[in-house]
Amino acid sequence: MDGLSFFEERRAEGEAAHPIHRALTDPDGGAPSPYVLHRLMLEGVALPEAPRVLDAGCGYGATMLDLAPRLGGDWTGLTLSEAQRQRGGAALAAAGLADQARIRVQSYDMPPPGPFDLIIGIESLIHSAAPAATIAVLASVLAPGGHLVMVDDMPEEAMPPEAARRFALFRRYWRCPVAPTRAGWVRAMEEAGLTLVEERDLSPLLRVRSRDQAEPRLRELKAWRPRLRRALGFGVRAEAEIGGIMLETLQTEGFVRYRLLVARKG
């Protein structure tokens, strides 16, 4: 990864409304980019000419900035961060999309009534404290024939104790209280009246470090964390990066897979 962890790489574009999901290797030979995911996740998904889209956990709105001009339609993004809403809203306005797309500070557990033709959850639904309830409420605002597309980190059904310890640390530092397996997400979709119509393991496209490669940075963070806790916000950032390193090592070893699931209503 040219010396950058994905935690650092996701912030390499500075203060713009950049994607906060991971860059993927392009299977078609293009440059690695977070935008590769936008193409892959919608392959084979039939959308109406002017889709109504909900981005459940939109961050700075980068997915809307990329896809709304190409797909048309009406877009709503949800975030819990006022800073993300302000920066993303300004970027949407600067791109001439203010009438087509907007960001709301609102939980995806209390979404707008819709109905939506497409609901997207990229590295966001894993933070749900009640995943089955989250999927159910999102399904309730999905139009008949509409699609729920989610991409997230999903643990394997069983892992050895040491790997489970690292996964628990990742969940703690990334505020992921449940973090279901693939089977758990699929079960929640089925219970909500959705049918899984497509899935893909995107793990081979991730750009992650091994434990040996990540260890020097991990030692630094552990040494700095007590002091960083006294600085404004930096303790939280250090913990987030430690969680990210734990996730990278688990992905490298195959205990956590980065999966795309596409479900259809009706």
C-alpha atoms as a PDB file:
ATOM      1  CA  MET A   1       0.000   0.000   0.000  1.00  0.00           C
ATOM      2  CA  ASP A   2       2.986   2.297  -0.591  1.00  0.00           C
ATOM      3  CA  GLY A   3       3.474   2.819   3.137  1.00  0.00           C
ATOM      4  CA  LEU A   4      -0.084   3.960   3.872  1.00  0.00           C
ATOM      5  CA  SER A   5      -2.561   2.067   5.997  1.00  0.00           C
ATOM      6  CA  PHE A   6      -6.090   2.140   4.637  1.00  0.00           C
ATOM      7  CA  PHE A   7      -6.930   4.343   7.654  1.00  0.00           C
ATOM      8  CA  GLU A   8      -4.428   6.921   6.356  1.00  0.00           C
ATOM      9  CA  GLU A   9      -5.245   6.344   2.682  1.00  0.00           C
ATOM     10  CA  ARG A  10      -8.931   7.055   3.235  1.00  0.00           C
ATOM     11  CA  ARG A  11      -7.924  10.538   4.396  1.00  0.00           C
ATOM     12  CA  ALA A  12      -5.254  11.175   1.771  1.00  0.00           C
ATOM     13  CA  GLU A  13      -7.508  13.469  -0.256  1.00  0.00           C
ATOM     14  CA  GLY A  14      -7.449  16.112   2.475  1.00  0.00           C
ATOM     15  CA  GLU A  15     -10.489  18.046   3.518  1.00  0.00           C
ATOM     16  CA  ALA A  16     -12.600  17.600   0.384  1.00  0.00           C
ATOM     17  CA  ALA A  17     -15.804  15.547   0.360  1.00  0.00           C
ATOM     18  CA  HIS A  18     -13.773  12.411  -0.326  1.00  0.00           C
ATOM     19  CA  PRO A  19     -14.910   8.797  -0.004  1.00  0.00           C
ATOM     20  CA  ILE A  20     -14.372   7.324   3.442  1.00  0.00           C
ATOM     21  CA  HIS A  21     -14.726   3.729   2.267  1.00  0.00           C
ATOM     22  CA  ARG A  22     -11.740   1.728   1.139  1.00  0.00           C
ATOM     23  CA  ALA A  23      -9.922   1.833  -2.151  1.00  0.00           C
ATOM     24  CA  LEU A  24     -10.104  -1.394  -4.152  1.00  0.00           C
ATOM     25  CA  THR A  25      -7.861  -2.823  -6.821  1.00  0.00           C
ATOM     26  CA  ASP A  26      -9.685  -2.454 -10.127  1.00  0.00           C
ATOM     27  CA  PRO A  27     -10.313  -5.922 -11.636  1.00  0.00           C
ATOM     28  CA  ASP A  28     -10.489  -4.214 -15.038  1.00  0.00           C
ATOM     29  CA  GLY A  29      -6.938  -2.867 -14.716  1.00  0.00           C
ATOM     30  CA  GLY A  30      -7.669   0.721 -13.721  1.00  0.00           C
ATOM     31  CA  ALA A  31      -6.057   2.573 -10.854  1.00  0.00           C
ATOM     32  CA  PRO A  32      -6.943   1.474  -7.313  1.00  0.00           C
ATOM     33  CA  SER A  33      -9.642   3.784  -6.006  1.00  0.00           C
ATOM     34  CA  PRO A  34     -12.635   3.989  -3.658  1.00  0.00           C
ATOM     35  CA  TYR A  35     -14.713   4.647  -6.783  1.00  0.00           C
ATOM     36  CA  VAL A  36     -14.097   1.108  -8.059  1.00  0.00           C
ATOM     37  CA  LEU A  37     -16.644  -0.047  -5.496  1.00  0.00           C
ATOM     38  CA  HIS A  38     -19.347   2.209  -6.940  1.00  0.00           C
ATOM     39  CA  ARG A  39     -19.103   0.399 -10.249  1.00  0.00           C
ATOM     40  CA  LEU A  40     -18.901  -3.109  -8.833  1.00  0.00           C
ATOM     41  CA  MET A  41     -21.775  -2.768  -6.383  1.00  0.00           C
ATOM     42  CA  LEU A  42     -24.290  -1.752  -9.054  1.00  0.00           C
ATOM     43  CA  GLU A  43     -23.337  -4.322 -11.695  1.00  0.00           C
ATOM     44  CA  GLY A  44     -26.510  -6.159 -12.663  1.00  0.00           C
ATOM     45  CA  VAL A  45     -28.789  -3.969 -10.521  1.00  0.00           C
ATOM     46  CA  ALA A  46     -31.722  -2.792 -12.642  1.00  0.00           C
ATOM     47  CA  LEU A  47     -32.745   0.768 -11.783  1.00  0.00           C
ATOM     48  CA  PRO A  48     -35.519   2.968 -13.152  1.00  0.00           C
ATOM     49  CA  GLU A  49     -34.591   5.922 -15.335  1.00  0.00           C
ATOM     50  CA  ALA A  50     -34.733   8.373 -12.415  1.00  0.00           C
ATOM     51  CA  PRO A  51     -34.105   6.289  -9.284  1.00  0.00           C
ATOM     52  CA  ARG A  52     -34.977   7.410  -5.779  1.00  0.00           C
ATOM     53  CA  VAL A  53     -31.876   6.582  -3.744  1.00  0.00           C
ATOM     54  CA  LEU A  54     -31.068   6.536  -0.039  1.00  0.00           C
ATOM     55  CA  ASP A  55     -27.427   6.396   1.090  1.00  0.00           C
ATOM     56  CA  ALA A  56     -27.668   5.020   4.637  1.00  0.00           C
ATOM     57  CA  GLY A  57     -24.473   6.313   6.218  1.00  0.00           C
ATOM     58  CA  CYS A  58     -23.292   8.624   3.463  1.00  0.00           C
ATOM     59  CA  GLY A  59     -20.271  10.242   5.117  1.00  0.00           C
ATOM     60  CA  TYR A  60     -19.349  13.322   3.111  1.00  0.00           C
ATOM     61  CA  GLY A  61     -21.665  12.357   0.267  1.00  0.00           C
ATOM     62  CA  ALA A  62     -18.931  11.188  -2.100  1.00  0.00           C
ATOM     63  CA  THR A  63     -21.016   8.288  -3.424  1.00  0.00           C
ATOM     64  CA  MET A  64     -23.824  10.690  -4.327  1.00  0.00           C
ATOM     65  CA  LEU A  65     -21.324  13.099  -5.889  1.00  0.00           C
ATOM     66  CA  ASP A  66     -20.034  10.289  -8.094  1.00  0.00           C
ATOM     67  CA  LEU A  67     -23.243   8.467  -9.016  1.00  0.00           C
ATOM     68  CA  ALA A  68     -26.034  11.056  -9.013  1.00  0.00           C
ATOM     69  CA  PRO A  69     -24.796  12.884 -12.145  1.00  0.00           C
ATOM     70  CA  ARG A  70     -24.529   9.574 -14.007  1.00  0.00           C
ATOM     71  CA  LEU A  71     -27.687   7.842 -12.802  1.00  0.00           C
ATOM     72  CA  GLY A  72     -29.947  10.834 -12.367  1.00  0.00           C
ATOM     73  CA  GLY A  73     -32.866  10.638  -9.980  1.00  0.00           C
ATOM     74  CA  ASP A  74     -33.254  11.947  -6.456  1.00  0.00           C
ATOM     75  CA  TRP A  75     -30.701  11.209  -3.710  1.00  0.00           C
ATOM     76  CA  THR A  76     -30.788  11.490   0.069  1.00  0.00           C
ATOM     77  CA  GLY A  77     -27.811  10.764   2.305  1.00  0.00           C
ATOM     78  CA  LEU A  78     -27.968  10.177   6.050  1.00  0.00           C
ATOM     79  CA  THR A  79     -25.165  10.858   8.519  1.00  0.00           C
ATOM     80  CA  LEU A  80     -24.885  11.446  12.245  1.00  0.00           C
ATOM     81  CA  SER A  81     -22.207  14.112  11.730  1.00  0.00           C
ATOM     82  CA  GLU A  82     -23.075  17.784  11.297  1.00  0.00           C
ATOM     83  CA  ALA A  83     -19.543  18.404   9.997  1.00  0.00           C
ATOM     84  CA  GLN A  84     -20.059  15.785   7.275  1.00  0.00           C
ATOM     85  CA  ARG A  85     -23.419  17.298   6.394  1.00  0.00           C
ATOM     86  CA  GLN A  86     -21.946  20.765   6.030  1.00  0.00           C
ATOM     87  CA  ARG A  87     -18.903  19.749   4.005  1.00  0.00           C
ATOM     88  CA  GLY A  88     -20.836  17.282   1.859  1.00  0.00           C
ATOM     89  CA  GLY A  89     -23.687  19.706   1.309  1.00  0.00           C
ATOM     90  CA  ALA A  90     -21.252  22.370   0.150  1.00  0.00           C
ATOM     91  CA  ALA A  91     -19.656  19.901  -2.267  1.00  0.00           C
ATOM     92  CA  LEU A  92     -23.061  18.909  -3.672  1.00  0.00           C
ATOM     93  CA  ALA A  93     -23.958  22.566  -4.176  1.00  0.00           C
ATOM     94  CA  ALA A  94     -20.608  23.283  -5.848  1.00  0.00           C
ATOM     95  CA  ALA A  95     -21.238  20.371  -8.224  1.00  0.00           C
ATOM     96  CA  GLY A  96     -24.655  21.758  -9.165  1.00  0.00           C
ATOM     97  CA  LEU A  97     -26.470  18.894  -7.429  1.00  0.00           C
ATOM     98  CA  ALA A  98     -28.260  20.804  -4.676  1.00  0.00           C
ATOM     99  CA  ASP A  99     -31.675  20.207  -6.276  1.00  0.00           C
ATOM    100  CA  GLN A 100     -30.972  16.513  -6.848  1.00  0.00           C
ATOM    101  CA  ALA A 101     -29.147  15.409  -3.692  1.00  0.00           C
ATOM    102  CA  ARG A 102     -29.061  16.409  -0.059  1.00  0.00           C
ATOM    103  CA  ILE A 103     -27.561  15.203   3.242  1.00  0.00           C
ATOM    104  CA  ARG A 104     -29.545  14.954   6.467  1.00  0.00           C
ATOM    105  CA  VAL A 105     -28.279  14.503  10.004  1.00  0.00           C
ATOM    106  CA  GLN A 106     -30.474  11.533  10.770  1.00  0.00           C
ATOM    107  CA  SER A 107     -30.130   7.914  11.883  1.00  0.00           C
ATOM    108  CA  TYR A 108     -30.639   5.224   9.281  1.00  0.00           C
ATOM    109  CA  ASP A 109     -32.791   3.533  11.916  1.00  0.00           C
ATOM    110  CA  MET A 110     -35.294   6.360  11.367  1.00  0.00           C
ATOM    111  CA  PRO A 111     -35.080   6.870   7.585  1.00  0.00           C
ATOM    112  CA  PRO A 112     -37.269   9.171   5.484  1.00  0.00           C
ATOM    113  CA  PRO A 113     -40.525   7.501   4.365  1.00  0.00           C
ATOM    114  CA  GLY A 114     -39.430   6.959   0.775  1.00  0.00           C
ATOM    115  CA  PRO A 115     -40.202   4.832  -1.072  1.00  0.00           C
ATOM    116  CA  PHE A 116     -36.715   4.311  -2.480  1.00  0.00           C
ATOM    117  CA  ASP A 117     -35.708   2.279  -5.518  1.00  0.00           C
ATOM    118  CA  LEU A 118     -32.197   1.783  -4.144  1.00  0.00           C
ATOM    119  CA  ILE A 119     -30.769   1.874  -0.627  1.00  0.00           C
ATOM    120  CA  ILE A 120     -26.997   1.817  -0.243  1.00  0.00           C
ATOM    121  CA  GLY A 121     -25.053   0.977   2.912  1.00  0.00           C
ATOM    122  CA  ILE A 122     -21.276   1.115   2.436  1.00  0.00           C
ATOM    123  CA  GLU A 123     -19.272   0.295   5.577  1.00  0.00           C
ATOM    124  CA  SER A 124     -22.071   1.803   7.649  1.00  0.00           C
ATOM    125  CA  LEU A 125     -24.596  -0.839   8.679  1.00  0.00           C
ATOM    126  CA  ILE A 126     -21.931  -2.673  10.698  1.00  0.00           C
ATOM    127  CA  HIS A 127     -22.291   0.113  13.286  1.00  0.00           C
ATOM    128  CA  SER A 128     -25.917  -0.804  13.976  1.00  0.00           C
ATOM    129  CA  ALA A 129     -26.669  -1.873  17.545  1.00  0.00           C
ATOM    130  CA  ALA A 130     -29.607  -3.956  16.263  1.00  0.00           C
ATOM    131  CA  PRO A 131     -28.812  -5.104  12.713  1.00  0.00           C
ATOM    132  CA  ALA A 132     -32.022  -7.077  12.130  1.00  0.00           C
ATOM    133  CA  ALA A 133     -34.114  -4.075  13.193  1.00  0.00           C
ATOM    134  CA  THR A 134     -32.036  -1.790  10.960  1.00  0.00           C
ATOM    135  CA  ILE A 135     -32.557  -4.026   7.930  1.00  0.00           C
ATOM    136  CA  ALA A 136     -36.289  -4.282   8.686  1.00  0.00           C
ATOM    137  CA  VAL A 137     -36.804  -0.522   8.847  1.00  0.00           C
ATOM    138  CA  LEU A 138     -34.780   0.051   5.685  1.00  0.00           C
ATOM    139  CA  ALA A 139     -36.783  -2.656   3.904  1.00  0.00           C
ATOM    140  CA  SER A 140     -39.980  -0.914   4.983  1.00  0.00           C
ATOM    141  CA  VAL A 141     -39.075   2.207   2.961  1.00  0.00           C
ATOM    142  CA  LEU A 142     -37.866   0.238  -0.073  1.00  0.00           C
ATOM    143  CA  ALA A 143     -40.183   0.285  -3.085  1.00  0.00           C
ATOM    144  CA  PRO A 144     -41.466  -3.052  -4.449  1.00  0.00           C
ATOM    145  CA  GLY A 145     -38.772  -4.335  -6.772  1.00  0.00           C
ATOM    146  CA  GLY A 146     -36.215  -2.039  -5.142  1.00  0.00           C
ATOM    147  CA  HIS A 147     -32.746  -3.122  -4.067  1.00  0.00           C
ATOM    148  CA  LEU A 148     -30.752  -2.903  -0.852  1.00  0.00           C
ATOM    149  CA  VAL A 149     -27.019  -2.931  -1.574  1.00  0.00           C
ATOM    150  CA  MET A 150     -24.654  -3.285   1.357  1.00  0.00           C
ATOM    151  CA  VAL A 151     -20.879  -3.643   1.491  1.00  0.00           C
ATOM    152  CA  ASP A 152     -19.228  -4.376   4.801  1.00  0.00           C
ATOM    153  CA  ASP A 153     -16.751  -6.376   6.851  1.00  0.00           C
ATOM    154  CA  MET A 154     -18.242  -9.700   7.881  1.00  0.00           C
ATOM    155  CA  PRO A 155     -16.514 -12.153  10.213  1.00  0.00           C
ATOM    156  CA  GLU A 156     -16.342 -15.822   9.419  1.00  0.00           C
ATOM    157  CA  GLU A 157     -18.550 -18.097  11.519  1.00  0.00           C
ATOM    158  CA  ALA A 158     -15.700 -19.278  13.750  1.00  0.00           C
ATOM    159  CA  MET A 159     -12.199 -18.069  14.496  1.00  0.00           C
ATOM    160  CA  PRO A 160      -9.501 -19.092  16.980  1.00  0.00           C
ATOM    161  CA  PRO A 161      -9.336 -17.286  20.351  1.00  0.00           C
ATOM    162  CA  GLU A 162      -6.439 -14.986  19.433  1.00  0.00           C
ATOM    163  CA  ALA A 163      -8.166 -13.831  16.246  1.00  0.00           C
ATOM    164  CA  ALA A 164     -11.418 -13.420  18.179  1.00  0.00           C
ATOM    165  CA  ARG A 165      -9.553 -11.147  20.608  1.00  0.00           C
ATOM    166  CA  ARG A 166      -8.398  -8.937  17.745  1.00  0.00           C
ATOM    167  CA  PHE A 167     -11.897  -8.884  16.303  1.00  0.00           C
ATOM    168  CA  ALA A 168     -13.303  -7.795  19.669  1.00  0.00           C
ATOM    169  CA  LEU A 169     -10.741  -4.977  19.769  1.00  0.00           C
ATOM    170  CA  PHE A 170     -11.725  -3.893  16.270  1.00  0.00           C
ATOM    171  CA  ARG A 171     -15.414  -3.859  17.239  1.00  0.00           C
ATOM    172  CA  ARG A 172     -14.689  -1.828  20.369  1.00  0.00           C
ATOM    173  CA  TYR A 173     -12.563   0.806  18.670  1.00  0.00           C
ATOM    174  CA  TRP A 174     -14.773   1.089  15.566  1.00  0.00           C
ATOM    175  CA  ARG A 175     -17.999   1.196  17.604  1.00  0.00           C
ATOM    176  CA  CYS A 176     -19.458  -1.950  16.034  1.00  0.00           C
ATOM    177  CA  PRO A 177     -21.483  -3.543  18.851  1.00  0.00           C
ATOM    178  CA  VAL A 178     -22.701  -6.600  16.897  1.00  0.00           C
ATOM    179  CA  ALA A 179     -20.912  -6.937  13.510  1.00  0.00           C
ATOM    180  CA  PRO A 180     -22.887  -9.923  12.127  1.00  0.00           C
ATOM    181  CA  THR A 181     -21.579 -12.694   9.933  1.00  0.00           C
ATOM    182  CA  ARG A 182     -22.752 -13.039   6.346  1.00  0.00           C
ATOM    183  CA  ALA A 183     -25.354 -15.547   7.513  1.00  0.00           C
ATOM    184  CA  GLY A 184     -26.602 -13.065  10.096  1.00  0.00           C
ATOM    185  CA  TRP A 185     -27.105 -10.330   7.501  1.00  0.00           C
ATOM    186  CA  VAL A 186     -28.798 -12.698   5.047  1.00  0.00           C
ATOM    187  CA  ARG A 187     -31.130 -13.958   7.755  1.00  0.00           C
ATOM    188  CA  ALA A 188     -32.061 -10.367   8.658  1.00  0.00           C
ATOM    189  CA  MET A 189     -32.787  -9.630   5.006  1.00  0.00           C
ATOM    190  CA  GLU A 190     -34.990 -12.689   4.621  1.00  0.00           C
ATOM    191  CA  GLU A 191     -36.898 -11.872   7.808  1.00  0.00           C
ATOM    192  CA  ALA A 192     -37.517  -8.373   6.415  1.00  0.00           C
ATOM    193  CA  GLY A 193     -39.035  -9.780   3.220  1.00  0.00           C
ATOM    194  CA  LEU A 194     -35.966  -9.316   1.039  1.00  0.00           C
ATOM    195  CA  THR A 195     -34.371 -11.884  -1.271  1.00  0.00           C
ATOM    196  CA  LEU A 196     -30.619 -12.103  -1.749  1.00  0.00           C
ATOM    197  CA  VAL A 197     -30.074 -11.823  -5.507  1.00  0.00           C
ATOM    198  CA  GLU A 198     -26.338 -11.182  -5.763  1.00  0.00           C
ATOM    199  CA  GLU A 199     -23.248 -11.405  -3.607  1.00  0.00           C
ATOM    200  CA  ARG A 200     -19.536 -11.076  -4.061  1.00  0.00           C
ATOM    201  CA  ASP A 201     -16.506 -11.477  -1.851  1.00  0.00           C
ATOM    202  CA  LEU A 202     -14.452  -8.342  -2.545  1.00  0.00           C
ATOM    203  CA  SER A 203     -11.668  -9.340  -0.150  1.00  0.00           C
ATOM    204  CA  PRO A 204      -9.176 -10.177  -2.930  1.00  0.00           C
ATOM    205  CA  LEU A 205      -9.439  -6.568  -4.126  1.00  0.00           C
ATOM    206  CA  LEU A 206      -8.516  -5.050  -0.762  1.00  0.00           C
ATOM    207  CA  ARG A 207      -5.092  -3.502  -0.259  1.00  0.00           C
ATOM    208  CA  VAL A 208      -4.194  -4.565   3.261  1.00  0.00           C
ATOM    209  CA  ARG A 209      -1.055  -5.232   5.279  1.00  0.00           C
ATOM    210  CA  SER A 210       0.039  -8.395   7.008  1.00  0.00           C
ATOM    211  CA  ARG A 211       0.586  -8.507  10.782  1.00  0.00           C
ATOM    212  CA  ASP A 212       4.358  -8.204  10.300  1.00  0.00           C
ATOM    213  CA  GLN A 213       3.942  -5.140   8.080  1.00  0.00           C
ATOM    214  CA  ALA A 214       1.496  -3.460  10.462  1.00  0.00           C
ATOM    215  CA  GLU A 215       3.354  -4.217  13.709  1.00  0.00           C
ATOM    216  CA  PRO A 216       5.701  -1.155  13.730  1.00  0.00           C
ATOM    217  CA  ARG A 217       2.790   1.262  13.342  1.00  0.00           C
ATOM    218  CA  LEU A 218       0.785  -0.627  15.953  1.00  0.00           C
ATOM    219  CA  ARG A 219       3.632  -0.308  18.472  1.00  0.00           C
ATOM    220  CA  GLU A 220       3.782   3.444  17.834  1.00  0.00           C
ATOM    221  CA  LEU A 221       0.070   3.890  18.370  1.00  0.00           C
ATOM    222  CA  LYS A 222       0.035   1.867  21.575  1.00  0.00           C
ATOM    223  CA  ALA A 223       2.929   3.941  22.927  1.00  0.00           C
ATOM    224  CA  TRP A 224       1.315   7.259  21.979  1.00  0.00           C
ATOM    225  CA  ARG A 225      -2.251   6.464  23.009  1.00  0.00           C
ATOM    226  CA  PRO A 226      -2.003   7.519  26.688  1.00  0.00           C
ATOM    227  CA  ARG A 227      -0.633  10.935  25.682  1.00  0.00           C
ATOM    228  CA  LEU A 228      -2.979  11.290  22.721  1.00  0.00           C
ATOM    229  CA  ARG A 229      -5.967  10.750  24.999  1.00  0.00           C
ATOM    230  CA  ARG A 230      -5.155  14.104  26.583  1.00  0.00           C
ATOM    231  CA  ALA A 231      -5.134  15.860  23.198  1.00  0.00           C
ATOM    232  CA  LEU A 232      -8.308  17.001  21.499  1.00  0.00           C
ATOM    233  CA  GLY A 233      -9.736  14.046  19.596  1.00  0.00           C
ATOM    234  CA  PHE A 234      -6.428  12.341  18.912  1.00  0.00           C
ATOM    235  CA  GLY A 235      -6.991   9.503  21.372  1.00  0.00           C
ATOM    236  CA  VAL A 236     -10.122   8.518  19.467  1.00  0.00           C
ATOM    237  CA  ARG A 237      -8.217   8.703  16.182  1.00  0.00           C
ATOM    238  CA  ALA A 238      -5.445   6.511  17.538  1.00  0.00           C
ATOM    239  CA  GLU A 239      -7.965   3.945  18.738  1.00  0.00           C
ATOM    240  CA  ALA A 240      -9.699   4.018  15.348  1.00  0.00           C
ATOM    241  CA  GLU A 241      -6.408   3.349  13.603  1.00  0.00           C
ATOM    242  CA  ILE A 242      -5.591   0.508  16.001  1.00  0.00           C
ATOM    243  CA  GLY A 243      -9.006  -0.977  15.208  1.00  0.00           C
ATOM    244  CA  GLY A 244      -8.273  -0.577  11.513  1.00  0.00           C
ATOM    245  CA  ILE A 245      -4.985  -2.429  11.857  1.00  0.00           C
ATOM    246  CA  MET A 246      -6.721  -5.262  13.716  1.00  0.00           C
ATOM    247  CA  LEU A 247      -9.208  -5.454  10.847  1.00  0.00           C
ATOM    248  CA  GLU A 248      -6.441  -5.506   8.229  1.00  0.00           C
ATOM    249  CA  THR A 249      -4.683  -8.404   9.907  1.00  0.00           C
ATOM    250  CA  LEU A 250      -7.940 -10.351  10.191  1.00  0.00           C
ATOM    251  CA  GLN A 251      -8.674  -9.739   6.521  1.00  0.00           C
ATOM    252  CA  THR A 252      -5.170 -10.815   5.514  1.00  0.00           C
ATOM    253  CA  GLU A 253      -5.645 -14.069   7.446  1.00  0.00           C
ATOM    254  CA  GLY A 254      -9.142 -14.678   6.047  1.00  0.00           C
ATOM    255  CA  PHE A 255     -11.068 -14.371   9.318  1.00  0.00           C
ATOM    256  CA  VAL A 256     -13.006 -11.315   8.104  1.00  0.00           C
ATOM    257  CA  ARG A 257     -14.296 -10.950   4.544  1.00  0.00           C
ATOM    258  CA  TYR A 258     -15.249  -7.730   2.765  1.00  0.00           C
ATOM    259  CA  ARG A 259     -18.570  -8.710   1.195  1.00  0.00           C
ATOM    260  CA  LEU A 260     -21.107  -7.206  -1.167  1.00  0.00           C
ATOM    261  CA  LEU A 261     -24.701  -8.307  -0.649  1.00  0.00           C
ATOM    262  CA  VAL A 262     -27.564  -7.252  -2.920  1.00  0.00           C
ATOM    263  CA  ALA A 263     -31.144  -7.980  -1.853  1.00  0.00           C
ATOM    264  CA  ARG A 264     -34.405  -7.285  -3.678  1.00  0.00           C
ATOM    265  CA  LYS A 265     -37.848  -6.518  -2.292  1.00  0.00           C
ATOM    266  CA  GLY A 266     -40.773  -8.440  -3.779  1.00  0.00           C
END
